Structures are given as structure tokens and as C-alpha cells.
Amino acid sequence: MAGNRFGTLFSITTFGESHGAAIGVVIDGCPAGLQITSEEIQAELDRRKPGQSHITTQRKETDTVEILSGIFEGKTTAAPIALVIKNEDQRSKDYTHLKDTFRPSHADFTYAEKYGNRDYRGGGRSSARETAARVAAGAVAKKLLLHYGITIQGYVSSVYNIAVTKSYAELDLSKTENNIVRCPDEALAQQMIELIEAVRKAGDTVGGTVSCVIKNCKAGLGEPVFDKLHADLAKAMMSINATKGFEYGSGFEGVLLKGSAHNDAFEKQAEKIATKTNHSGGIQGGISNGMDIYFRVAFKPVATIMQQQESINTSGETIMLEGKGRHDPCVLPRAVPIVEAMAALVIADHLLRNKTAKL
């Protein structure tokens, strides 16, 4: 199976399955001398782990990270960093009824067609549990970016038809972690929680969007023609399970503006060149321009629902299928740290590609 590696200079390779012994990641290209602790990595994993609230899956995983290599006496050594997270709460029996079944909107059929074999226990490699490895790697990337003053903040901007209408600049993003849905608008957050609770009780699921802003990223990151910064961000986000869309800057709403309104005029601000507006989302010509980079990612409703659905089995026979086990009614709250992690991996990689970073 190809496609398990991401990045050029700051790169990661993830491994493991949902109900295997463990999942993990090998990070290559991290400069030596970066101070990082297992507690810092664990803090990010705790934001993604299952069972953290009543509106997420109740699978009980501590997602405890173990550092196998690459970090000595609290600092990176430039050697590959190997991180492993053991699976503790495996219930493979919850999936035995799916052995010969193709679940609607899952990877069951496509994996079977491509590989001739599939791990039906929670989807195996196609499971969103794989994203824990990304978050662990993202924690290291975030720490590297922090050395350069670069911060990344994601938040839930919509759940189903409940949407934050304010821009990120109008929100107090420090309130994002104050509620279990990770929305900085507290009034809307409560409405989102109530909606997810109602949907869960009905045995259904909902989707929504995560917005993210990258601050203090200097001009010059990005490698045209095919490795434009926004292109790599798009690939990173679209590689996350359940994603259905990506837009940055003005995005699709930009088509409603004329060029005279959409153009970002340059001006001198203090000692640097900046733009009066930021419809470009901090990226022009595939290269960062020093303004805030902001984007939004769309996530579909979780495919596993606790309602009967018609499908077929591997013999082509029509069957009735109903979800079992523990599943998220909405992926959005746990998707926030995943989006941040993938953004951090992209920026860290381009930072090193732009010039060799020395700490």
C-alpha cells in the first residue's frame, strides 16, 4: 500500500490499523535541538482522543504516546522520531457482521476492489483512528513553528445548518476550548451541542466545517508550480477522513465579487509591506505574502448511522444493514486538532524547503 508518507523535508510516515496492536508515526527531517516533551505531544492527542465527551464516540482510548527514538534529554537529535500509540479498547466483535458487507459511503468496496482484501474491523487502515498518528506528528511540527512565532488555531465554524457568520478576526479564539464542540461563539456552541445530541438520539449523524487561521507566517513560503502553498494545504486537508471540501481566503464566496472589490491593495505598514484586505487568504501565486493564512474544511456526516440502510454483500445480494458499536454522531469537535496538525506539517515542511532552519 503506497501513499502513507506526507511531506518533502519535514515528512511523516504513519502506520497501524484501527483494531491492530498500535498506530504510530515516523517523523523525518525535524531539526536537532527542538525542545519537546511527551506531555506536549500528549496534550494534542488528548484533544483528538475518543470518549472525551458525550457527543463523541465512547470508545475508551487514552491514546498514550510513547517516544521510541529521535528525542534525547528533552530535545530532538535530528534522527527519525518514532512515536507509537497502543490500541487499548479494541472490540473487533462489533464488526464481525460486516465481514462480507459493503457499508454505504465507507471504503469497504473500494479497498476490496483495489487490494482484494480488507480489514473489516473498523475499516482497518481507512479508519479515522489513523489520524491520531498525524496529531502526534503535528504536535512536533507545532512546536517547531512556535520557535518562529507561527501559531495555528482551528475551530468549528458550522454544524449542519448552524453556522458562525463572523470572521475569525471578530471572534475570541481563546474561547474555542471552553466547550465540547470547540466553537468560540458560546451561544452558537450550545445550539450545536443540542443539535448533535438530538441527532445522536435519532441514530443519525451530521457534518459541518472547521475553520483555521495561521498567524505570523512570513512571506516566501510555497514552491510553485505544483507545490503551491495552498495546493499542499488542500492536499493535506483532503487527506483527512470525511473531508469533502477545502477553500482558502475568500473561497467560493469570492466569485460573488468583482475584481475591483476582490483585489488586495498593497500598503506600507510599519516596517513591512502588507495588504489592506486579505481576500487572498495570505497566499498569492502559491506563496505566502505575510498576511494571515485562513481556510475552511468541510466534513461530511459520519457514514455509520444507527438506522437500517439497504446495501449489498460481497456476493451481490441485497441486505439490510444497521450500524453497531461506538461511533461519532459528528466528527467536527475531534477534527479541529487534526486540521491544525496537518496545517502545521505543511507549514513546517515549507519552512524547511524555503531555507534550512537552524534552531
Protein backbone atom coordinates (compact mmCIF):
# COMPACT_ATOMS: atom_id res chain seq x y z
CA MET A 1 0.00 0.00 0.00
CA ALA A 2 1.55 3.28 -1.14
CA GLY A 3 0.56 6.75 0.00
CA ASN A 4 1.42 6.55 3.71
CA ARG A 5 4.09 9.27 3.55
CA PHE A 6 3.46 13.02 3.60
CA GLY A 7 5.89 15.92 3.22
CA THR A 8 9.21 16.56 1.48
CA LEU A 9 11.83 17.72 4.01
CA PHE A 10 9.73 17.58 7.18
CA SER A 11 8.00 14.31 6.38
CA ILE A 12 5.90 11.72 8.18
CA THR A 13 5.04 8.09 7.58
CA THR A 14 2.11 6.69 9.56
CA PHE A 15 1.33 3.03 10.24
CA GLY A 16 -1.19 0.81 12.01
CA GLU A 17 -4.89 -0.09 11.87
CA SER A 18 -7.95 0.79 13.92
CA HIS A 19 -8.09 -2.56 15.72
CA GLY A 20 -4.47 -3.63 15.39
CA ALA A 21 -1.93 -3.62 18.20
CA ALA A 22 -0.99 0.03 17.75
CA ILE A 23 -0.80 3.01 15.45
CA GLY A 24 2.19 5.25 15.04
CA VAL A 25 4.28 7.67 13.03
CA VAL A 26 7.88 8.19 12.00
CA ILE A 27 8.88 11.85 11.58
CA ASP A 28 11.92 12.59 9.44
CA GLY A 29 13.65 15.91 8.85
CA CYS A 30 12.98 17.62 12.18
CA PRO A 31 15.98 19.83 13.03
CA ALA A 32 18.08 18.96 16.07
CA GLY A 33 17.77 20.93 19.28
CA LEU A 34 14.00 21.41 19.38
CA GLN A 35 12.75 21.10 22.94
CA ILE A 36 9.73 18.79 23.06
CA THR A 37 8.26 16.58 25.77
CA SER A 38 5.87 13.66 25.70
CA GLU A 39 3.48 15.80 27.75
CA GLU A 40 3.29 18.38 24.96
CA ILE A 41 2.55 15.68 22.39
CA GLN A 42 0.01 14.10 24.74
CA ALA A 43 -1.82 17.40 25.19
CA GLU A 44 -2.60 17.47 21.47
CA LEU A 45 -3.62 13.81 21.42
CA ASP A 46 -5.99 14.40 24.33
CA ARG A 47 -7.86 16.94 22.18
CA ARG A 48 -8.43 14.30 19.49
CA LYS A 49 -8.91 11.13 21.54
CA PRO A 50 -12.27 9.32 21.63
CA GLY A 51 -14.54 9.34 24.66
CA GLN A 52 -13.74 12.92 25.64
CA SER A 53 -17.39 13.99 25.83
CA HIS A 54 -20.93 12.66 25.40
CA ILE A 55 -21.12 13.98 21.81
CA THR A 56 -18.15 11.89 20.63
CA THR A 57 -17.62 8.15 20.24
CA GLN A 58 -17.46 6.35 23.58
CA ARG A 59 -14.51 4.17 22.60
CA LYS A 60 -12.18 4.45 25.61
CA GLU A 61 -8.65 5.07 24.41
CA THR A 62 -6.12 7.02 26.48
CA ASP A 63 -4.06 7.50 23.31
CA THR A 64 -0.93 7.46 25.44
CA VAL A 65 2.09 8.30 23.29
CA GLU A 66 5.40 6.51 23.62
CA ILE A 67 8.57 8.05 22.19
CA LEU A 68 10.77 5.34 20.69
CA SER A 69 13.53 7.41 19.10
CA GLY A 70 14.71 10.81 17.93
CA ILE A 71 14.32 12.68 21.23
CA PHE A 72 17.06 12.60 23.88
CA GLU A 73 17.01 14.52 27.16
CA GLY A 74 14.01 16.52 26.01
CA LYS A 75 15.48 17.65 22.68
CA THR A 76 15.29 16.37 19.12
CA THR A 77 18.50 14.82 17.79
CA ALA A 78 17.76 15.14 14.03
CA ALA A 79 17.33 11.34 13.91
CA PRO A 80 13.92 9.97 12.84
CA ILE A 81 11.35 10.48 15.60
CA ALA A 82 9.26 7.37 16.15
CA LEU A 83 6.02 7.71 18.13
CA VAL A 84 3.65 4.85 18.93
CA ILE A 85 0.14 4.79 20.41
CA LYS A 86 -1.19 1.43 21.53
CA ASN A 87 -4.82 0.46 20.91
CA GLU A 88 -6.37 -0.39 24.28
CA ASP A 89 -10.13 -0.62 23.78
CA GLN A 90 -10.48 -2.94 20.81
CA ARG A 91 -13.86 -4.54 20.19
CA SER A 92 -13.39 -6.35 16.92
CA LYS A 93 -16.56 -8.37 17.56
CA ASP A 94 -18.54 -5.19 16.89
CA TYR A 95 -17.54 -5.59 13.24
CA THR A 96 -17.84 -9.34 12.57
CA HIS A 97 -21.26 -8.81 10.96
CA LEU A 98 -19.55 -6.58 8.38
CA LYS A 99 -17.06 -9.18 7.13
CA ASP A 100 -18.97 -9.79 3.91
CA THR A 101 -20.82 -6.48 3.75
CA PHE A 102 -20.22 -3.23 1.88
CA ARG A 103 -21.28 -0.35 4.11
CA PRO A 104 -22.78 2.71 2.35
CA SER A 105 -20.27 5.58 1.91
CA HIS A 106 -17.41 3.65 3.53
CA ALA A 107 -14.14 2.40 1.99
CA ASP A 108 -15.20 -1.26 2.17
CA PHE A 109 -15.97 -1.72 -1.52
CA THR A 110 -13.09 0.37 -2.88
CA TYR A 111 -10.49 -1.31 -0.63
CA ALA A 112 -11.80 -4.76 -1.64
CA GLU A 113 -11.66 -3.82 -5.32
CA LYS A 114 -8.16 -2.33 -5.11
CA TYR A 115 -6.42 -4.80 -2.80
CA GLY A 116 -8.56 -7.93 -2.99
CA ASN A 117 -8.57 -7.99 0.80
CA ARG A 118 -9.68 -5.65 3.56
CA ASP A 119 -9.60 -5.29 7.33
CA TYR A 120 -13.29 -5.04 8.21
CA ARG A 121 -12.57 -4.25 11.90
CA GLY A 122 -13.46 -0.59 11.93
CA GLY A 123 -12.13 -0.12 8.45
CA GLY A 124 -8.55 -1.02 9.34
CA ARG A 125 -6.21 1.42 7.65
CA SER A 126 -9.09 3.52 6.30
CA SER A 127 -10.30 4.25 9.85
CA ALA A 128 -10.10 7.79 11.19
CA ARG A 129 -8.14 6.35 14.09
CA GLU A 130 -5.10 6.72 11.84
CA THR A 131 -5.34 10.49 12.36
CA ALA A 132 -4.05 10.13 15.92
CA ALA A 133 -0.63 9.50 14.41
CA ARG A 134 -0.94 12.73 12.42
CA VAL A 135 -1.85 14.69 15.53
CA ALA A 136 1.19 13.31 17.36
CA ALA A 137 3.44 14.39 14.49
CA GLY A 138 1.61 17.70 14.27
CA ALA A 139 2.47 18.42 17.89
CA VAL A 140 6.18 18.29 16.98
CA ALA A 141 5.57 20.48 13.91
CA LYS A 142 3.61 22.98 16.01
CA LYS A 143 6.50 23.24 18.48
CA LEU A 144 8.92 23.88 15.62
CA LEU A 145 6.67 26.61 14.21
CA LEU A 146 6.29 28.21 17.62
CA HIS A 147 10.08 28.72 17.60
CA TYR A 148 9.47 31.06 14.66
CA GLY A 149 6.41 32.70 16.23
CA ILE A 150 3.95 30.91 13.93
CA THR A 151 0.66 29.84 15.53
CA ILE A 152 -2.22 27.75 14.19
CA GLN A 153 -5.77 27.91 15.55
CA GLY A 154 -8.72 25.90 14.33
CA TYR A 155 -12.35 25.97 15.43
CA VAL A 156 -15.73 24.55 14.50
CA SER A 157 -17.44 27.14 12.32
CA SER A 158 -20.59 25.20 11.47
CA VAL A 159 -22.54 22.09 12.35
CA TYR A 160 -25.28 21.19 9.88
CA ASN A 161 -27.26 24.44 9.41
CA ILE A 162 -25.89 26.26 12.46
CA ALA A 163 -23.03 28.47 11.27
CA VAL A 164 -20.76 31.15 12.67
CA THR A 165 -21.25 34.22 10.49
CA LYS A 166 -18.45 36.32 11.99
CA SER A 167 -14.95 36.23 10.54
CA TYR A 168 -12.15 34.75 12.65
CA ALA A 169 -10.91 38.29 13.33
CA GLU A 170 -14.19 39.11 15.06
CA LEU A 171 -14.07 36.06 17.33
CA ASP A 172 -12.23 35.42 20.57
CA LEU A 173 -10.47 32.23 19.54
CA SER A 174 -9.18 31.73 23.09
CA LYS A 175 -12.71 30.51 23.90
CA THR A 176 -12.51 27.62 21.42
CA GLU A 177 -11.58 25.04 24.04
CA ASN A 178 -14.18 26.30 26.54
CA ASN A 179 -16.88 23.94 25.23
CA ILE A 180 -17.03 20.35 23.98
CA VAL A 181 -17.90 21.29 20.40
CA ARG A 182 -14.88 23.64 20.06
CA CYS A 183 -16.76 26.67 18.76
CA PRO A 184 -15.60 30.09 20.06
CA ASP A 185 -19.12 31.55 19.74
CA GLU A 186 -20.55 30.32 23.03
CA ALA A 187 -24.22 30.87 22.15
CA LEU A 188 -23.91 29.00 18.87
CA ALA A 189 -21.81 26.32 20.55
CA GLN A 190 -24.70 25.42 22.82
CA GLN A 191 -27.07 25.21 19.85
CA MET A 192 -24.58 22.93 18.07
CA ILE A 193 -24.30 20.66 21.10
CA GLU A 194 -28.08 20.37 21.40
CA LEU A 195 -28.36 19.55 17.71
CA ILE A 196 -25.70 16.82 17.92
CA GLU A 197 -27.41 15.35 20.99
CA ALA A 198 -30.74 15.20 19.15
CA VAL A 199 -29.14 13.66 16.06
CA ARG A 200 -27.38 11.03 18.16
CA LYS A 201 -30.65 10.03 19.85
CA ALA A 202 -32.23 9.64 16.41
CA GLY A 203 -29.41 7.31 15.37
CA ASP A 204 -28.23 9.75 12.71
CA THR A 205 -25.19 11.94 12.04
CA VAL A 206 -24.35 15.47 10.85
CA GLY A 207 -21.42 17.23 9.22
CA GLY A 208 -20.13 20.78 9.14
CA THR A 209 -16.99 22.87 8.75
CA VAL A 210 -13.75 23.60 10.59
CA SER A 211 -12.08 26.95 10.03
CA CYS A 212 -8.39 27.53 10.67
CA VAL A 213 -6.06 30.54 10.78
CA ILE A 214 -2.26 30.56 10.61
CA LYS A 215 -0.66 33.69 12.05
CA ASN A 216 2.84 35.20 11.79
CA CYS A 217 3.84 33.20 8.75
CA LYS A 218 6.38 35.32 6.90
CA ALA A 219 6.25 35.95 3.17
CA GLY A 220 8.01 33.49 0.91
CA LEU A 221 6.70 30.02 1.77
CA GLY A 222 5.48 27.91 -1.13
CA GLU A 223 7.04 26.16 -4.12
CA PRO A 224 5.37 26.88 -7.46
CA VAL A 225 4.35 25.48 -9.82
CA PHE A 226 2.89 22.24 -8.50
CA ASP A 227 3.74 22.63 -4.80
CA LYS A 228 1.94 25.91 -4.21
CA LEU A 229 1.33 26.51 -0.52
CA HIS A 230 -2.44 26.46 -0.88
CA ALA A 231 -2.23 23.34 -3.07
CA ASP A 232 -0.31 21.49 -0.36
CA LEU A 233 -2.73 22.72 2.29
CA ALA A 234 -5.61 21.48 0.15
CA LYS A 235 -4.00 18.06 -0.25
CA ALA A 236 -3.33 17.88 3.48
CA MET A 237 -6.90 18.69 4.40
CA MET A 238 -8.47 16.49 1.74
CA SER A 239 -6.41 13.56 3.04
CA ILE A 240 -8.28 13.70 6.35
CA ASN A 241 -11.11 11.17 6.69
CA ALA A 242 -14.60 12.51 5.94
CA THR A 243 -13.42 15.73 4.24
CA LYS A 244 -15.48 16.88 1.28
CA GLY A 245 -14.22 20.37 0.55
CA PHE A 246 -11.46 22.95 1.04
CA GLU A 247 -11.43 26.68 0.43
CA TYR A 248 -8.98 29.39 1.45
CA GLY A 249 -9.24 33.15 1.55
CA SER A 250 -12.48 34.36 0.01
CA GLY A 251 -13.09 30.84 -1.29
CA PHE A 252 -16.27 30.20 -3.22
CA GLU A 253 -17.83 33.43 -1.95
CA GLY A 254 -15.14 35.31 -3.87
CA VAL A 255 -16.97 34.59 -7.12
CA LEU A 256 -19.67 37.00 -5.96
CA LEU A 257 -17.18 39.88 -6.00
CA LYS A 258 -15.83 41.84 -8.95
CA GLY A 259 -12.09 42.21 -9.39
CA SER A 260 -12.24 45.82 -8.22
CA ALA A 261 -13.61 44.63 -4.86
CA HIS A 262 -11.65 41.41 -4.58
CA ASN A 263 -8.15 42.75 -5.24
CA ASP A 264 -5.97 43.16 -2.14
CA ALA A 265 -4.27 46.56 -2.42
CA PHE A 266 -0.75 46.83 -1.02
CA GLU A 267 0.34 49.38 1.55
CA LYS A 268 3.29 50.02 3.86
CA GLN A 269 2.54 49.08 7.47
CA ALA A 270 5.28 49.93 9.95
CA GLU A 271 8.38 48.24 8.50
CA LYS A 272 6.69 45.77 6.18
CA ILE A 273 4.54 45.62 3.08
CA ALA A 274 1.00 44.39 3.76
CA THR A 275 -2.41 44.37 2.09
CA LYS A 276 -5.42 46.46 3.09
CA THR A 277 -7.73 43.48 2.68
CA ASN A 278 -6.99 39.75 2.70
CA HIS A 279 -9.28 38.07 0.20
CA SER A 280 -6.18 36.16 -0.95
CA GLY A 281 -6.06 34.33 2.38
CA GLY A 282 -2.40 35.14 2.91
CA ILE A 283 -1.25 33.36 -0.26
CA GLN A 284 -0.59 34.86 -3.70
CA GLY A 285 0.94 33.00 -6.60
CA GLY A 286 1.16 29.95 -4.37
CA ILE A 287 3.50 31.79 -1.96
CA SER A 288 2.69 33.24 1.47
CA ASN A 289 2.58 37.04 1.49
CA GLY A 290 2.90 37.62 5.25
CA MET A 291 -0.79 38.12 5.95
CA ASP A 292 -2.91 35.68 7.96
CA ILE A 293 -3.48 32.41 6.14
CA TYR A 294 -7.05 31.25 6.67
CA PHE A 295 -9.09 28.42 5.24
CA ARG A 296 -12.13 26.24 5.82
CA VAL A 297 -12.60 22.49 5.56
CA ALA A 298 -15.94 20.73 5.00
CA PHE A 299 -16.65 17.39 6.70
CA LYS A 300 -19.46 15.07 5.67
CA PRO A 301 -21.89 13.40 8.09
CA VAL A 302 -20.37 10.24 9.60
CA ALA A 303 -21.21 7.33 7.29
CA THR A 304 -22.07 4.89 10.11
CA ILE A 305 -25.61 5.55 11.32
CA MET A 306 -27.71 3.60 13.81
CA GLN A 307 -30.56 3.19 11.35
CA GLN A 308 -31.38 0.47 8.85
CA GLN A 309 -29.97 1.00 5.37
CA GLU A 310 -30.14 -1.09 2.25
CA SER A 311 -26.82 -2.33 0.87
CA ILE A 312 -25.28 -5.43 -0.70
CA ASN A 313 -22.86 -8.12 0.42
CA THR A 314 -19.77 -9.49 -1.33
CA SER A 315 -21.99 -11.93 -3.23
CA GLY A 316 -24.03 -9.06 -4.66
CA GLU A 317 -27.12 -9.89 -2.61
CA THR A 318 -29.29 -7.10 -1.23
CA ILE A 319 -29.22 -6.87 2.56
CA MET A 320 -30.44 -4.58 5.33
CA LEU A 321 -27.68 -3.09 7.45
CA GLU A 322 -27.70 -1.21 10.76
CA GLY A 323 -24.67 0.32 12.47
CA LYS A 324 -23.35 -1.16 15.71
CA GLY A 325 -20.59 -0.25 18.13
CA ARG A 326 -19.29 3.18 19.09
CA HIS A 327 -19.25 5.98 16.57
CA ASP A 328 -19.19 9.79 16.46
CA PRO A 329 -22.50 11.44 15.61
CA CYS A 330 -20.40 14.37 14.35
CA VAL A 331 -16.67 14.42 13.64
CA LEU A 332 -16.24 18.19 13.94
CA PRO A 333 -15.13 18.54 17.61
CA ARG A 334 -12.35 15.96 17.21
CA ALA A 335 -11.44 17.17 13.71
CA VAL A 336 -10.14 20.54 14.96
CA PRO A 337 -6.77 19.23 16.26
CA ILE A 338 -6.40 17.08 13.13
CA VAL A 339 -6.84 20.11 10.86
CA GLU A 340 -4.33 22.05 12.96
CA ALA A 341 -1.84 19.18 12.84
CA MET A 342 -1.99 18.82 9.06
CA ALA A 343 -1.63 22.59 8.63
CA ALA A 344 1.41 22.54 10.93
CA LEU A 345 3.01 19.73 8.92
CA VAL A 346 2.58 21.68 5.68
CA ILE A 347 3.97 24.93 7.07
CA ALA A 348 6.89 23.17 8.81
CA ASP A 349 7.78 21.40 5.56
CA HIS A 350 7.67 24.59 3.51
CA LEU A 351 9.64 26.45 6.17
CA LEU A 352 12.45 23.94 5.76
CA ARG A 353 12.11 23.92 1.97
CA ASN A 354 12.32 27.71 1.87
CA LYS A 355 15.65 27.64 3.71
CA THR A 356 17.39 25.26 6.09
CA ALA A 357 16.00 26.10 9.52
CA LYS A 358 18.50 26.16 12.37
CA LEU A 359 17.43 26.45 15.97
